Amino acid sequence: MKTLRVVHIIPLGFERSIVTKAIRKIGGEKVHILSIGPENAHLRDPDLYKKQQYFTNAVIGDLKKLGYDVEFHDVDLFDFESVLSKISELIVQEKMRGARVYINISAFGRLVAVAASLAGWYHDCIVYYVEPDRYYENEKEFYDYGRSVCIDPEILELPKIEIAKLSDKERFALSFLLKSDRQARTYEILEALGEEFQEFRVERKDRREYQRAINKLNRLVLDKLESEGYIERVKEGRYNRIVLTEEGKIIALLESGLIRQ
């Protein structure tokens, strides 16, 4: 039986031992570290960014010494959507390479933990929380261990929550709305779908065929997205404006990794 390669995805704050000790306990081959780097440094307090640089470099150095392949990603971890989209993208990439993906939600704040958990659940990953032995008591411990002091950490695997997946066409429609300032006319969605899917390709001048295509779009795609609460139809005269809801936006971001492939 083929053994799946194990990959970890870790949004990183002022932590060190909570990352390295957990990975040594679980095992693995590759680690993706997400943190605030040079591209996003201007968004944060210079002193805090300097501390973050220290922990990012320390963790990467520790992991490389232990023999792990480490990849760094510069992400604004205070932006929920950026975190959700980037983690989803990495998960999809690694799963397409045949990896088993673990996500550590303990090394940053609660908002990031929520985003990372959602991405993990949606893409069927193992989401885990690391319970530290205690917290740092002085400056030396802070830099040696991070905020959480882990010697022999307890690792808690979160129960999986099933989230219904979208079809290719539903995924494309949500992605189109996300890129279109979260709203579009029905015919605009149809024309975009027609560029990707042959069954929706139709000449607008053929009114009968065009209306059939609109009906098909409503029946196979938009009705389902509306029933899930991902879109709303807003009547404007004879036509509908399709609006992406907040829930739909989250799903579109979760699907972003699949859309890019």
C-alpha atoms as a PDB file:
ATOM      1  CA  MET A   1       0.000   0.000   0.000  1.00  0.00           C
ATOM      2  CA  LYS A   2       1.327   3.446  -0.962  1.00  0.00           C
ATOM      3  CA  THR A   3       2.272   5.691   1.980  1.00  0.00           C
ATOM      4  CA  LEU A   4       1.094   9.262   1.517  1.00  0.00           C
ATOM      5  CA  ARG A   5       3.655  12.001   1.944  1.00  0.00           C
ATOM      6  CA  VAL A   6       2.810  14.199   4.954  1.00  0.00           C
ATOM      7  CA  VAL A   7       2.799  17.988   4.581  1.00  0.00           C
ATOM      8  CA  HIS A   8       2.101  20.591   7.275  1.00  0.00           C
ATOM      9  CA  ILE A   9       0.595  24.062   6.741  1.00  0.00           C
ATOM     10  CA  ILE A  10       1.239  26.480   9.609  1.00  0.00           C
ATOM     11  CA  PRO A  11       0.208  30.139   9.978  1.00  0.00           C
ATOM     12  CA  LEU A  12       2.950  31.460  12.286  1.00  0.00           C
ATOM     13  CA  GLY A  13       3.000  34.188  14.923  1.00  0.00           C
ATOM     14  CA  PHE A  14       5.303  34.532  17.924  1.00  0.00           C
ATOM     15  CA  GLU A  15       5.681  30.777  18.347  1.00  0.00           C
ATOM     16  CA  ARG A  16       8.478  28.253  17.984  1.00  0.00           C
ATOM     17  CA  SER A  17       8.318  25.066  20.058  1.00  0.00           C
ATOM     18  CA  ILE A  18       4.579  24.628  19.447  1.00  0.00           C
ATOM     19  CA  VAL A  19       5.474  24.169  15.772  1.00  0.00           C
ATOM     20  CA  THR A  20       8.685  22.162  15.861  1.00  0.00           C
ATOM     21  CA  LYS A  21       7.769  19.787  18.692  1.00  0.00           C
ATOM     22  CA  ALA A  22       4.400  18.958  17.114  1.00  0.00           C
ATOM     23  CA  ILE A  23       5.941  18.227  13.716  1.00  0.00           C
ATOM     24  CA  ARG A  24       8.567  15.968  15.276  1.00  0.00           C
ATOM     25  CA  LYS A  25       5.806  14.085  17.061  1.00  0.00           C
ATOM     26  CA  ILE A  26       3.544  13.730  14.004  1.00  0.00           C
ATOM     27  CA  GLY A  27       6.248  13.350  11.370  1.00  0.00           C
ATOM     28  CA  GLY A  28       6.268  14.623   7.813  1.00  0.00           C
ATOM     29  CA  GLU A  29       8.405  15.700   4.892  1.00  0.00           C
ATOM     30  CA  LYS A  30       7.444  19.278   4.031  1.00  0.00           C
ATOM     31  CA  VAL A  31       6.241  22.359   5.925  1.00  0.00           C
ATOM     32  CA  HIS A  32       4.541  25.478   4.559  1.00  0.00           C
ATOM     33  CA  ILE A  33       5.071  28.469   6.870  1.00  0.00           C
ATOM     34  CA  LEU A  34       2.639  31.366   6.392  1.00  0.00           C
ATOM     35  CA  SER A  35       3.568  34.631   8.054  1.00  0.00           C
ATOM     36  CA  ILE A  36       3.952  38.358   7.575  1.00  0.00           C
ATOM     37  CA  GLY A  37       7.052  39.004   5.480  1.00  0.00           C
ATOM     38  CA  PRO A  38       8.570  41.930   3.552  1.00  0.00           C
ATOM     39  CA  GLU A  39       5.585  42.355   1.214  1.00  0.00           C
ATOM     40  CA  ASN A  40       3.195  42.976   4.119  1.00  0.00           C
ATOM     41  CA  ALA A  41       5.628  44.514   6.623  1.00  0.00           C
ATOM     42  CA  HIS A  42       4.377  48.057   5.968  1.00  0.00           C
ATOM     43  CA  LEU A  43       0.951  47.085   7.332  1.00  0.00           C
ATOM     44  CA  ARG A  44       2.270  46.317  10.815  1.00  0.00           C
ATOM     45  CA  ASP A  45       4.105  47.957  13.716  1.00  0.00           C
ATOM     46  CA  PRO A  46       7.889  47.884  12.983  1.00  0.00           C
ATOM     47  CA  ASP A  47       8.803  46.411  16.387  1.00  0.00           C
ATOM     48  CA  LEU A  48       6.212  43.640  16.084  1.00  0.00           C
ATOM     49  CA  TYR A  49       7.353  42.900  12.543  1.00  0.00           C
ATOM     50  CA  LYS A  50      10.943  42.612  13.785  1.00  0.00           C
ATOM     51  CA  LYS A  51       9.833  40.036  16.368  1.00  0.00           C
ATOM     52  CA  GLN A  52       7.901  38.172  13.717  1.00  0.00           C
ATOM     53  CA  GLN A  53      10.966  38.049  11.500  1.00  0.00           C
ATOM     54  CA  TYR A  54      12.904  36.504  14.373  1.00  0.00           C
ATOM     55  CA  PHE A  55      10.362  33.720  14.933  1.00  0.00           C
ATOM     56  CA  THR A  56       9.888  33.060  11.220  1.00  0.00           C
ATOM     57  CA  ASN A  57      13.633  32.681  10.680  1.00  0.00           C
ATOM     58  CA  ALA A  58      14.038  30.652  13.886  1.00  0.00           C
ATOM     59  CA  VAL A  59      11.295  28.165  12.997  1.00  0.00           C
ATOM     60  CA  ILE A  60      12.483  27.784   9.408  1.00  0.00           C
ATOM     61  CA  GLY A  61      16.041  27.251  10.667  1.00  0.00           C
ATOM     62  CA  ASP A  62      14.927  24.715  13.289  1.00  0.00           C
ATOM     63  CA  LEU A  63      12.916  22.734  10.753  1.00  0.00           C
ATOM     64  CA  LYS A  64      15.665  22.712   8.140  1.00  0.00           C
ATOM     65  CA  LYS A  65      18.133  21.428  10.744  1.00  0.00           C
ATOM     66  CA  LEU A  66      15.692  18.598  11.440  1.00  0.00           C
ATOM     67  CA  GLY A  67      15.689  17.720   7.736  1.00  0.00           C
ATOM     68  CA  TYR A  68      12.331  19.132   6.637  1.00  0.00           C
ATOM     69  CA  ASP A  69      11.682  20.835   3.314  1.00  0.00           C
ATOM     70  CA  VAL A  70      10.350  24.294   4.247  1.00  0.00           C
ATOM     71  CA  GLU A  71       8.537  26.816   2.055  1.00  0.00           C
ATOM     72  CA  PHE A  72       7.721  30.348   3.255  1.00  0.00           C
ATOM     73  CA  HIS A  73       4.660  32.325   2.129  1.00  0.00           C
ATOM     74  CA  ASP A  74       4.317  36.053   2.777  1.00  0.00           C
ATOM     75  CA  VAL A  75       0.672  36.530   3.801  1.00  0.00           C
ATOM     76  CA  ASP A  76      -1.163  39.226   5.761  1.00  0.00           C
ATOM     77  CA  LEU A  77      -2.378  36.992   8.574  1.00  0.00           C
ATOM     78  CA  PHE A  78      -4.669  39.724   9.862  1.00  0.00           C
ATOM     79  CA  ASP A  79      -6.729  39.522   6.671  1.00  0.00           C
ATOM     80  CA  PHE A  80      -9.212  36.627   6.913  1.00  0.00           C
ATOM     81  CA  GLU A  81      -9.818  36.353   3.172  1.00  0.00           C
ATOM     82  CA  SER A  82      -6.116  36.298   2.289  1.00  0.00           C
ATOM     83  CA  VAL A  83      -5.477  33.518   4.796  1.00  0.00           C
ATOM     84  CA  LEU A  84      -8.465  31.458   3.652  1.00  0.00           C
ATOM     85  CA  SER A  85      -7.554  31.766  -0.015  1.00  0.00           C
ATOM     86  CA  LYS A  86      -3.836  31.023   0.423  1.00  0.00           C
ATOM     87  CA  ILE A  87      -4.322  27.988   2.658  1.00  0.00           C
ATOM     88  CA  SER A  88      -6.931  26.581   0.255  1.00  0.00           C
ATOM     89  CA  GLU A  89      -4.552  27.086  -2.658  1.00  0.00           C
ATOM     90  CA  LEU A  90      -1.711  25.272  -0.866  1.00  0.00           C
ATOM     91  CA  ILE A  91      -3.952  22.389   0.191  1.00  0.00           C
ATOM     92  CA  VAL A  92      -5.133  21.805  -3.367  1.00  0.00           C
ATOM     93  CA  GLN A  93      -1.573  21.937  -4.727  1.00  0.00           C
ATOM     94  CA  GLU A  94      -0.291  19.420  -2.194  1.00  0.00           C
ATOM     95  CA  LYS A  95      -3.254  17.057  -2.530  1.00  0.00           C
ATOM     96  CA  MET A  96      -2.792  17.022  -6.294  1.00  0.00           C
ATOM     97  CA  ARG A  97       0.771  15.861  -5.606  1.00  0.00           C
ATOM     98  CA  GLY A  98      -0.578  13.036  -3.470  1.00  0.00           C
ATOM     99  CA  ALA A  99       0.146  14.478  -0.027  1.00  0.00           C
ATOM    100  CA  ARG A 100      -1.717  14.056   3.225  1.00  0.00           C
ATOM    101  CA  VAL A 101      -2.143  17.566   4.635  1.00  0.00           C
ATOM    102  CA  TYR A 102      -2.013  18.534   8.317  1.00  0.00           C
ATOM    103  CA  ILE A 103      -2.895  22.051   9.499  1.00  0.00           C
ATOM    104  CA  ASN A 104      -1.624  23.437  12.811  1.00  0.00           C
ATOM    105  CA  ILE A 105      -4.068  26.079  14.104  1.00  0.00           C
ATOM    106  CA  SER A 106      -2.178  26.830  17.346  1.00  0.00           C
ATOM    107  CA  ALA A 107       0.610  29.156  16.195  1.00  0.00           C
ATOM    108  CA  PHE A 108      -1.352  32.354  15.548  1.00  0.00           C
ATOM    109  CA  GLY A 109      -4.583  34.035  16.697  1.00  0.00           C
ATOM    110  CA  ARG A 110      -8.196  32.899  16.752  1.00  0.00           C
ATOM    111  CA  LEU A 111      -9.253  34.500  13.464  1.00  0.00           C
ATOM    112  CA  VAL A 112      -6.531  32.649  11.587  1.00  0.00           C
ATOM    113  CA  ALA A 113      -7.428  29.444  13.431  1.00  0.00           C
ATOM    114  CA  VAL A 114     -11.002  29.768  12.124  1.00  0.00           C
ATOM    115  CA  ALA A 115      -9.835  30.396   8.541  1.00  0.00           C
ATOM    116  CA  ALA A 116      -7.359  27.508   8.670  1.00  0.00           C
ATOM    117  CA  SER A 117      -9.956  25.149  10.146  1.00  0.00           C
ATOM    118  CA  LEU A 118     -12.522  26.029   7.473  1.00  0.00           C
ATOM    119  CA  ALA A 119      -9.994  25.404   4.706  1.00  0.00           C
ATOM    120  CA  GLY A 120      -8.929  22.124   6.286  1.00  0.00           C
ATOM    121  CA  TRP A 121     -12.465  20.842   6.768  1.00  0.00           C
ATOM    122  CA  TYR A 122     -13.555  21.863   3.282  1.00  0.00           C
ATOM    123  CA  HIS A 123     -10.618  20.105   1.619  1.00  0.00           C
ATOM    124  CA  ASP A 124     -10.635  17.054   3.918  1.00  0.00           C
ATOM    125  CA  CYS A 125      -7.378  17.690   5.791  1.00  0.00           C
ATOM    126  CA  ILE A 126      -6.318  16.869   9.335  1.00  0.00           C
ATOM    127  CA  VAL A 127      -6.701  19.982  11.495  1.00  0.00           C
ATOM    128  CA  TYR A 128      -4.887  19.865  14.812  1.00  0.00           C
ATOM    129  CA  TYR A 129      -4.386  21.981  17.916  1.00  0.00           C
ATOM    130  CA  VAL A 130      -1.272  21.732  20.086  1.00  0.00           C
ATOM    131  CA  GLU A 131      -1.751  22.011  23.845  1.00  0.00           C
ATOM    132  CA  PRO A 132       1.409  23.570  25.363  1.00  0.00           C
ATOM    133  CA  ASP A 133       2.965  22.479  28.640  1.00  0.00           C
ATOM    134  CA  ARG A 134       2.857  26.090  29.825  1.00  0.00           C
ATOM    135  CA  TYR A 135       3.518  29.662  28.660  1.00  0.00           C
ATOM    136  CA  TYR A 136       6.790  31.615  28.691  1.00  0.00           C
ATOM    137  CA  GLU A 137       7.862  33.289  31.929  1.00  0.00           C
ATOM    138  CA  ASN A 138      10.772  35.480  30.839  1.00  0.00           C
ATOM    139  CA  GLU A 139      12.405  36.986  27.767  1.00  0.00           C
ATOM    140  CA  LYS A 140      14.829  34.100  27.278  1.00  0.00           C
ATOM    141  CA  GLU A 141      11.993  31.563  27.245  1.00  0.00           C
ATOM    142  CA  PHE A 142      10.037  33.781  24.863  1.00  0.00           C
ATOM    143  CA  TYR A 143      12.785  33.677  22.251  1.00  0.00           C
ATOM    144  CA  ASP A 144      13.810  30.078  22.926  1.00  0.00           C
ATOM    145  CA  TYR A 145      10.294  28.589  22.874  1.00  0.00           C
ATOM    146  CA  GLY A 146       7.846  31.255  21.721  1.00  0.00           C
ATOM    147  CA  ARG A 147       4.772  32.245  23.712  1.00  0.00           C
ATOM    148  CA  SER A 148       3.918  28.588  24.245  1.00  0.00           C
ATOM    149  CA  VAL A 149       6.465  26.362  25.941  1.00  0.00           C
ATOM    150  CA  CYS A 150       6.236  22.846  24.514  1.00  0.00           C
ATOM    151  CA  ILE A 151       8.419  19.993  25.710  1.00  0.00           C
ATOM    152  CA  ASP A 152       6.103  17.033  25.156  1.00  0.00           C
ATOM    153  CA  PRO A 153       2.965  18.639  23.688  1.00  0.00           C
ATOM    154  CA  GLU A 154      -0.464  17.055  23.566  1.00  0.00           C
ATOM    155  CA  ILE A 155      -1.839  17.092  20.029  1.00  0.00           C
ATOM    156  CA  LEU A 156      -5.601  17.300  19.617  1.00  0.00           C
ATOM    157  CA  GLU A 157      -7.091  16.418  16.240  1.00  0.00           C
ATOM    158  CA  LEU A 158     -10.261  18.397  15.574  1.00  0.00           C
ATOM    159  CA  PRO A 159     -13.325  16.420  14.459  1.00  0.00           C
ATOM    160  CA  LYS A 160     -14.110  16.792  10.779  1.00  0.00           C
ATOM    161  CA  ILE A 161     -17.070  18.845   9.622  1.00  0.00           C
ATOM    162  CA  GLU A 162     -18.524  17.980   6.225  1.00  0.00           C
ATOM    163  CA  ILE A 163     -19.168  20.915   3.872  1.00  0.00           C
ATOM    164  CA  ALA A 164     -20.960  20.148   0.600  1.00  0.00           C
ATOM    165  CA  LYS A 165     -18.762  20.535  -2.486  1.00  0.00           C
ATOM    166  CA  LEU A 166     -19.689  22.456  -5.621  1.00  0.00           C
ATOM    167  CA  SER A 167     -19.866  21.255  -9.210  1.00  0.00           C
ATOM    168  CA  ASP A 168     -17.399  22.734 -11.716  1.00  0.00           C
ATOM    169  CA  LYS A 169     -20.073  25.055 -13.072  1.00  0.00           C
ATOM    170  CA  GLU A 170     -21.220  26.223  -9.632  1.00  0.00           C
ATOM    171  CA  ARG A 171     -17.593  26.832  -8.675  1.00  0.00           C
ATOM    172  CA  PHE A 172     -17.000  28.837 -11.845  1.00  0.00           C
ATOM    173  CA  ALA A 173     -20.108  30.971 -11.286  1.00  0.00           C
ATOM    174  CA  LEU A 174     -19.072  31.867  -7.724  1.00  0.00           C
ATOM    175  CA  SER A 175     -15.548  32.643  -8.891  1.00  0.00           C
ATOM    176  CA  PHE A 176     -16.900  34.891 -11.644  1.00  0.00           C
ATOM    177  CA  LEU A 177     -19.062  36.775  -9.142  1.00  0.00           C
ATOM    178  CA  LEU A 178     -16.125  37.164  -6.756  1.00  0.00           C
ATOM    179  CA  LYS A 179     -14.037  38.693  -9.553  1.00  0.00           C
ATOM    180  CA  SER A 180     -16.957  40.878 -10.715  1.00  0.00           C
ATOM    181  CA  ASP A 181     -17.272  42.941  -7.539  1.00  0.00           C
ATOM    182  CA  ARG A 182     -19.641  40.286  -6.125  1.00  0.00           C
ATOM    183  CA  GLN A 183     -22.490  40.915  -8.567  1.00  0.00           C
ATOM    184  CA  ALA A 184     -23.424  40.355 -12.202  1.00  0.00           C
ATOM    185  CA  ARG A 185     -26.406  40.031 -14.528  1.00  0.00           C
ATOM    186  CA  THR A 186     -27.629  36.550 -15.415  1.00  0.00           C
ATOM    187  CA  TYR A 187     -26.601  36.964 -19.056  1.00  0.00           C
ATOM    188  CA  GLU A 188     -23.065  37.979 -17.989  1.00  0.00           C
ATOM    189  CA  ILE A 189     -22.694  34.748 -16.026  1.00  0.00           C
ATOM    190  CA  LEU A 190     -24.041  32.782 -19.001  1.00  0.00           C
ATOM    191  CA  GLU A 191     -21.550  34.370 -21.388  1.00  0.00           C
ATOM    192  CA  ALA A 192     -18.654  33.678 -19.007  1.00  0.00           C
ATOM    193  CA  LEU A 193     -19.770  30.056 -18.560  1.00  0.00           C
ATOM    194  CA  GLY A 194     -20.051  29.715 -22.330  1.00  0.00           C
ATOM    195  CA  GLU A 195     -16.342  30.471 -22.667  1.00  0.00           C
ATOM    196  CA  GLU A 196     -15.509  27.539 -20.369  1.00  0.00           C
ATOM    197  CA  PHE A 197     -18.306  25.006 -20.926  1.00  0.00           C
ATOM    198  CA  GLN A 198     -19.564  23.977 -24.363  1.00  0.00           C
ATOM    199  CA  GLU A 199     -23.116  23.270 -23.159  1.00  0.00           C
ATOM    200  CA  PHE A 200     -23.597  26.956 -22.292  1.00  0.00           C
ATOM    201  CA  ARG A 201     -22.142  28.285 -25.544  1.00  0.00           C
ATOM    202  CA  VAL A 202     -24.941  29.959 -27.495  1.00  0.00           C
ATOM    203  CA  GLU A 203     -25.455  32.827 -29.936  1.00  0.00           C
ATOM    204  CA  ARG A 204     -27.417  35.663 -28.373  1.00  0.00           C
ATOM    205  CA  LYS A 205     -29.140  36.466 -31.672  1.00  0.00           C
ATOM    206  CA  ASP A 206     -30.876  33.058 -31.579  1.00  0.00           C
ATOM    207  CA  ARG A 207     -33.475  34.110 -29.019  1.00  0.00           C
ATOM    208  CA  ARG A 208     -35.063  30.702 -28.517  1.00  0.00           C
ATOM    209  CA  GLU A 209     -31.755  28.899 -27.911  1.00  0.00           C
ATOM    210  CA  TYR A 210     -30.529  31.776 -25.788  1.00  0.00           C
ATOM    211  CA  GLN A 211     -33.589  31.558 -23.521  1.00  0.00           C
ATOM    212  CA  ARG A 212     -33.116  27.801 -23.228  1.00  0.00           C
ATOM    213  CA  ALA A 213     -29.534  28.406 -22.132  1.00  0.00           C
ATOM    214  CA  ILE A 214     -30.699  30.972 -19.546  1.00  0.00           C
ATOM    215  CA  ASN A 215     -33.253  28.482 -18.210  1.00  0.00           C
ATOM    216  CA  LYS A 216     -30.576  25.792 -18.043  1.00  0.00           C
ATOM    217  CA  LEU A 217     -28.248  28.140 -16.167  1.00  0.00           C
ATOM    218  CA  ASN A 218     -30.991  28.912 -13.659  1.00  0.00           C
ATOM    219  CA  ARG A 219     -31.933  25.254 -13.202  1.00  0.00           C
ATOM    220  CA  LEU A 220     -28.476  23.662 -13.040  1.00  0.00           C
ATOM    221  CA  VAL A 221     -26.431  26.391 -11.378  1.00  0.00           C
ATOM    222  CA  LEU A 222     -28.141  29.460  -9.962  1.00  0.00           C
ATOM    223  CA  ASP A 223     -31.117  27.724  -8.310  1.00  0.00           C
ATOM    224  CA  LYS A 224     -28.740  25.437  -6.409  1.00  0.00           C
ATOM    225  CA  LEU A 225     -26.452  28.269  -5.343  1.00  0.00           C
ATOM    226  CA  GLU A 226     -29.440  30.290  -4.154  1.00  0.00           C
ATOM    227  CA  SER A 227     -30.877  27.350  -2.193  1.00  0.00           C
ATOM    228  CA  GLU A 228     -27.519  27.013  -0.374  1.00  0.00           C
ATOM    229  CA  GLY A 229     -27.552  30.713   0.473  1.00  0.00           C
ATOM    230  CA  TYR A 230     -24.488  31.485  -1.654  1.00  0.00           C
ATOM    231  CA  ILE A 231     -26.220  33.985  -3.966  1.00  0.00           C
ATOM    232  CA  GLU A 232     -29.267  36.235  -3.961  1.00  0.00           C
ATOM    233  CA  ARG A 233     -31.369  37.259  -6.942  1.00  0.00           C
ATOM    234  CA  VAL A 234     -32.274  40.943  -6.943  1.00  0.00           C
ATOM    235  CA  LYS A 235     -35.057  41.900  -9.365  1.00  0.00           C
ATOM    236  CA  GLU A 236     -34.332  44.991 -11.445  1.00  0.00           C
ATOM    237  CA  GLY A 237     -37.082  45.571 -13.985  1.00  0.00           C
ATOM    238  CA  ARG A 238     -37.261  42.581 -16.322  1.00  0.00           C
ATOM    239  CA  TYR A 239     -33.893  41.211 -15.263  1.00  0.00           C
ATOM    240  CA  ASN A 240     -32.168  39.733 -12.223  1.00  0.00           C
ATOM    241  CA  ARG A 241     -28.953  40.928 -10.698  1.00  0.00           C
ATOM    242  CA  ILE A 242     -27.094  38.021  -9.069  1.00  0.00           C
ATOM    243  CA  VAL A 243     -25.360  39.013  -5.834  1.00  0.00           C
ATOM    244  CA  LEU A 244     -22.751  36.954  -3.988  1.00  0.00           C
ATOM    245  CA  THR A 245     -23.626  36.608  -0.282  1.00  0.00           C
ATOM    246  CA  GLU A 246     -21.058  36.620   2.533  1.00  0.00           C
ATOM    247  CA  GLU A 247     -21.404  32.837   2.812  1.00  0.00           C
ATOM    248  CA  GLY A 248     -20.965  32.511  -0.937  1.00  0.00           C
ATOM    249  CA  LYS A 249     -17.841  34.639  -0.762  1.00  0.00           C
ATOM    250  CA  ILE A 250     -16.328  32.297   1.834  1.00  0.00           C
ATOM    251  CA  ILE A 251     -17.095  29.251  -0.344  1.00  0.00           C
ATOM    252  CA  ALA A 252     -15.620  30.998  -3.403  1.00  0.00           C
ATOM    253  CA  LEU A 253     -12.414  31.664  -1.467  1.00  0.00           C
ATOM    254  CA  LEU A 254     -12.292  28.053  -0.261  1.00  0.00           C
ATOM    255  CA  GLU A 255     -12.676  26.907  -3.868  1.00  0.00           C
ATOM    256  CA  SER A 256     -10.030  29.323  -5.147  1.00  0.00           C
ATOM    257  CA  GLY A 257      -7.278  26.700  -5.096  1.00  0.00           C
ATOM    258  CA  LEU A 258      -9.322  24.377  -7.310  1.00  0.00           C
ATOM    259  CA  ILE A 259     -10.198  27.186  -9.719  1.00  0.00           C
ATOM    260  CA  ARG A 260      -6.513  28.038 -10.248  1.00  0.00           C
ATOM    261  CA  GLN A 261      -5.607  24.473 -11.255  1.00  0.00           C
END
